[in-house]
Amino acid sequence: VQLQASGGGLVQPGGSLRLSCAASGLTLDSKDIGWFRHAPGKAREGVSCISGGDGVIFYTDSVKGRFSISRDNAKNVVSLQMNSLKPEDTAVYYCAARLTEANYACRPTGPVVPGRYDHWGQGTQVTVSS
């Protein structure tokens, strides 16, 4: 089972990026999926999540209205569309899955807690800078 985040890069403030979380050996459509980020000198932060069964989506306050999480079940991908990017969004972004018990890790009131996810992918660097 492998998860891989991709789509990062260098973008100017106000720009957009679309991150993808792809899986091999695992079907994502019934799993709670979380997006996290880790910036130098800061704690890992849960950014957004989507539940595996009941359609729950959550965003942390700092990205609400700018980021959007979605599934493409045909491609077995969960995406994170990031708009109006700010320098403080600079970080390595990771996706993670909870392999058991859907609708547990991702709840309407959040937060996105790393310990509720048991499978992690490699990260992708997002740098927002002029």
Protein backbone atom coordinates (compact mmCIF):
# COMPACT_ATOMS: atom_id res chain seq x y z
CA VAL A 1 0.00 0.00 0.00
CA GLN A 2 1.41 3.33 -1.04
CA LEU A 3 0.19 6.88 -0.92
CA GLN A 4 1.86 9.61 -2.91
CA ALA A 5 1.21 13.32 -2.76
CA SER A 6 2.11 15.35 -5.84
CA GLY A 7 1.45 18.68 -7.46
CA GLY A 8 3.53 20.96 -5.29
CA GLY A 9 5.76 23.69 -6.60
CA LEU A 10 6.71 27.32 -6.45
CA VAL A 11 3.89 29.83 -6.87
CA GLN A 12 3.49 33.55 -6.31
CA PRO A 13 1.20 34.87 -3.59
CA GLY A 14 -2.37 34.80 -4.82
CA GLY A 15 -1.68 31.87 -7.10
CA SER A 16 -3.12 28.36 -7.14
CA LEU A 17 -1.93 24.80 -6.99
CA ARG A 18 -3.75 21.50 -7.09
CA LEU A 19 -2.31 18.69 -5.00
CA SER A 20 -3.19 15.07 -5.64
CA CYS A 21 -3.07 12.08 -3.33
CA ALA A 22 -2.83 8.88 -5.33
CA ALA A 23 -2.85 5.36 -3.97
CA SER A 24 -1.62 2.00 -5.11
CA GLY A 25 -2.79 -1.17 -3.47
CA LEU A 26 -5.58 0.74 -1.75
CA THR A 27 -8.97 2.06 -2.79
CA LEU A 28 -9.46 5.55 -1.40
CA ASP A 29 -13.17 6.00 -1.97
CA SER A 30 -14.23 4.44 1.33
CA LYS A 31 -11.41 5.84 3.45
CA ASP A 32 -11.10 8.94 5.58
CA ILE A 33 -8.37 11.01 3.94
CA GLY A 34 -6.54 13.90 5.54
CA TRP A 35 -4.21 16.56 4.21
CA PHE A 36 -1.50 17.87 6.51
CA ARG A 37 1.35 20.32 6.20
CA HIS A 38 4.63 20.79 7.99
CA ALA A 39 6.53 24.03 7.79
CA PRO A 40 10.06 24.49 9.16
CA GLY A 41 10.01 25.37 12.83
CA LYS A 42 6.30 24.70 13.15
CA ALA A 43 4.21 21.79 14.31
CA ARG A 44 2.52 19.56 11.74
CA GLU A 45 -0.90 20.99 10.97
CA GLY A 46 -4.05 19.27 9.79
CA VAL A 47 -5.40 21.24 6.85
CA SER A 48 -8.43 19.39 5.53
CA CYS A 49 -10.10 16.02 5.48
CA ILE A 50 -12.84 14.10 3.72
CA SER A 51 -14.65 11.18 5.27
CA GLY A 52 -14.97 7.76 3.73
CA GLY A 53 -18.69 7.22 3.91
CA ASP A 54 -20.89 10.10 5.05
CA GLY A 55 -19.52 12.95 2.96
CA VAL A 56 -18.05 14.98 5.78
CA ILE A 57 -15.50 17.61 4.77
CA PHE A 58 -13.54 19.79 7.16
CA TYR A 59 -11.12 22.68 6.71
CA THR A 60 -8.98 24.31 9.32
CA ASP A 61 -9.77 28.00 9.75
CA SER A 62 -6.61 29.28 8.08
CA VAL A 63 -7.53 27.70 4.73
CA LYS A 64 -11.31 27.92 4.82
CA GLY A 65 -12.67 29.57 1.69
CA ARG A 66 -9.36 29.13 -0.15
CA PHE A 67 -8.79 25.36 -0.22
CA SER A 68 -11.14 22.67 -1.51
CA ILE A 69 -10.84 18.91 -1.06
CA SER A 70 -12.45 16.45 -3.44
CA ARG A 71 -12.42 12.84 -4.61
CA ASP A 72 -12.10 11.35 -8.07
CA ASN A 73 -13.02 7.76 -7.43
CA ALA A 74 -12.49 6.72 -11.04
CA LYS A 75 -8.85 7.81 -10.75
CA ASN A 76 -8.52 6.73 -7.09
CA VAL A 77 -7.28 10.21 -6.20
CA VAL A 78 -8.12 12.76 -3.52
CA SER A 79 -7.23 16.30 -4.51
CA LEU A 80 -6.64 19.52 -2.62
CA GLN A 81 -7.27 22.64 -4.70
CA MET A 82 -5.43 25.55 -3.16
CA ASN A 83 -6.34 29.07 -4.26
CA SER A 84 -5.30 32.52 -3.09
CA LEU A 85 -2.10 31.08 -1.71
CA LYS A 86 -0.18 33.01 0.90
CA PRO A 87 3.47 32.82 1.97
CA GLU A 88 2.33 31.24 5.23
CA ASP A 89 0.98 28.28 3.24
CA THR A 90 4.57 27.31 2.44
CA ALA A 91 5.19 23.80 3.76
CA VAL A 92 5.59 20.17 2.83
CA TYR A 93 2.10 18.80 2.27
CA TYR A 94 1.22 15.20 3.08
CA CYS A 95 -1.85 13.08 2.58
CA ALA A 96 -2.82 10.30 4.94
CA ALA A 97 -5.49 7.63 5.09
CA ARG A 98 -7.27 5.81 7.85
CA LEU A 99 -7.38 2.23 6.63
CA THR A 100 -10.03 1.05 9.06
CA GLU A 101 -13.29 2.46 10.40
CA ALA A 102 -14.46 5.13 7.97
CA ASN A 103 -16.22 8.25 9.27
CA TYR A 104 -13.99 8.29 12.34
CA ALA A 105 -10.96 10.41 11.58
CA CYS A 106 -12.80 13.15 9.66
CA ARG A 107 -15.68 14.77 11.54
CA PRO A 108 -17.62 17.97 10.84
CA THR A 109 -16.13 19.96 13.70
CA GLY A 110 -12.58 18.78 13.16
CA PRO A 111 -9.75 19.07 13.95
CA VAL A 112 -7.68 16.99 11.57
CA VAL A 113 -5.65 14.90 13.99
CA PRO A 114 -2.55 13.09 12.73
CA GLY A 115 -2.94 10.23 15.21
CA ARG A 116 -6.27 9.21 13.66
CA TYR A 117 -4.59 8.34 10.35
CA ASP A 118 -2.53 5.21 10.05
CA HIS A 119 -1.05 5.37 6.58
CA TRP A 120 1.01 8.25 5.27
CA GLY A 121 2.44 9.15 1.91
CA GLN A 122 5.51 11.04 0.85
CA GLY A 123 5.06 14.77 0.93
CA THR A 124 5.17 17.41 -1.76
CA GLN A 125 6.76 20.82 -1.27
CA VAL A 126 4.63 23.93 -1.69
CA THR A 127 6.48 27.25 -1.73
CA VAL A 128 4.59 30.53 -1.97
CA SER A 129 6.95 33.37 -2.68
CA SER A 130 7.36 36.34 -4.94
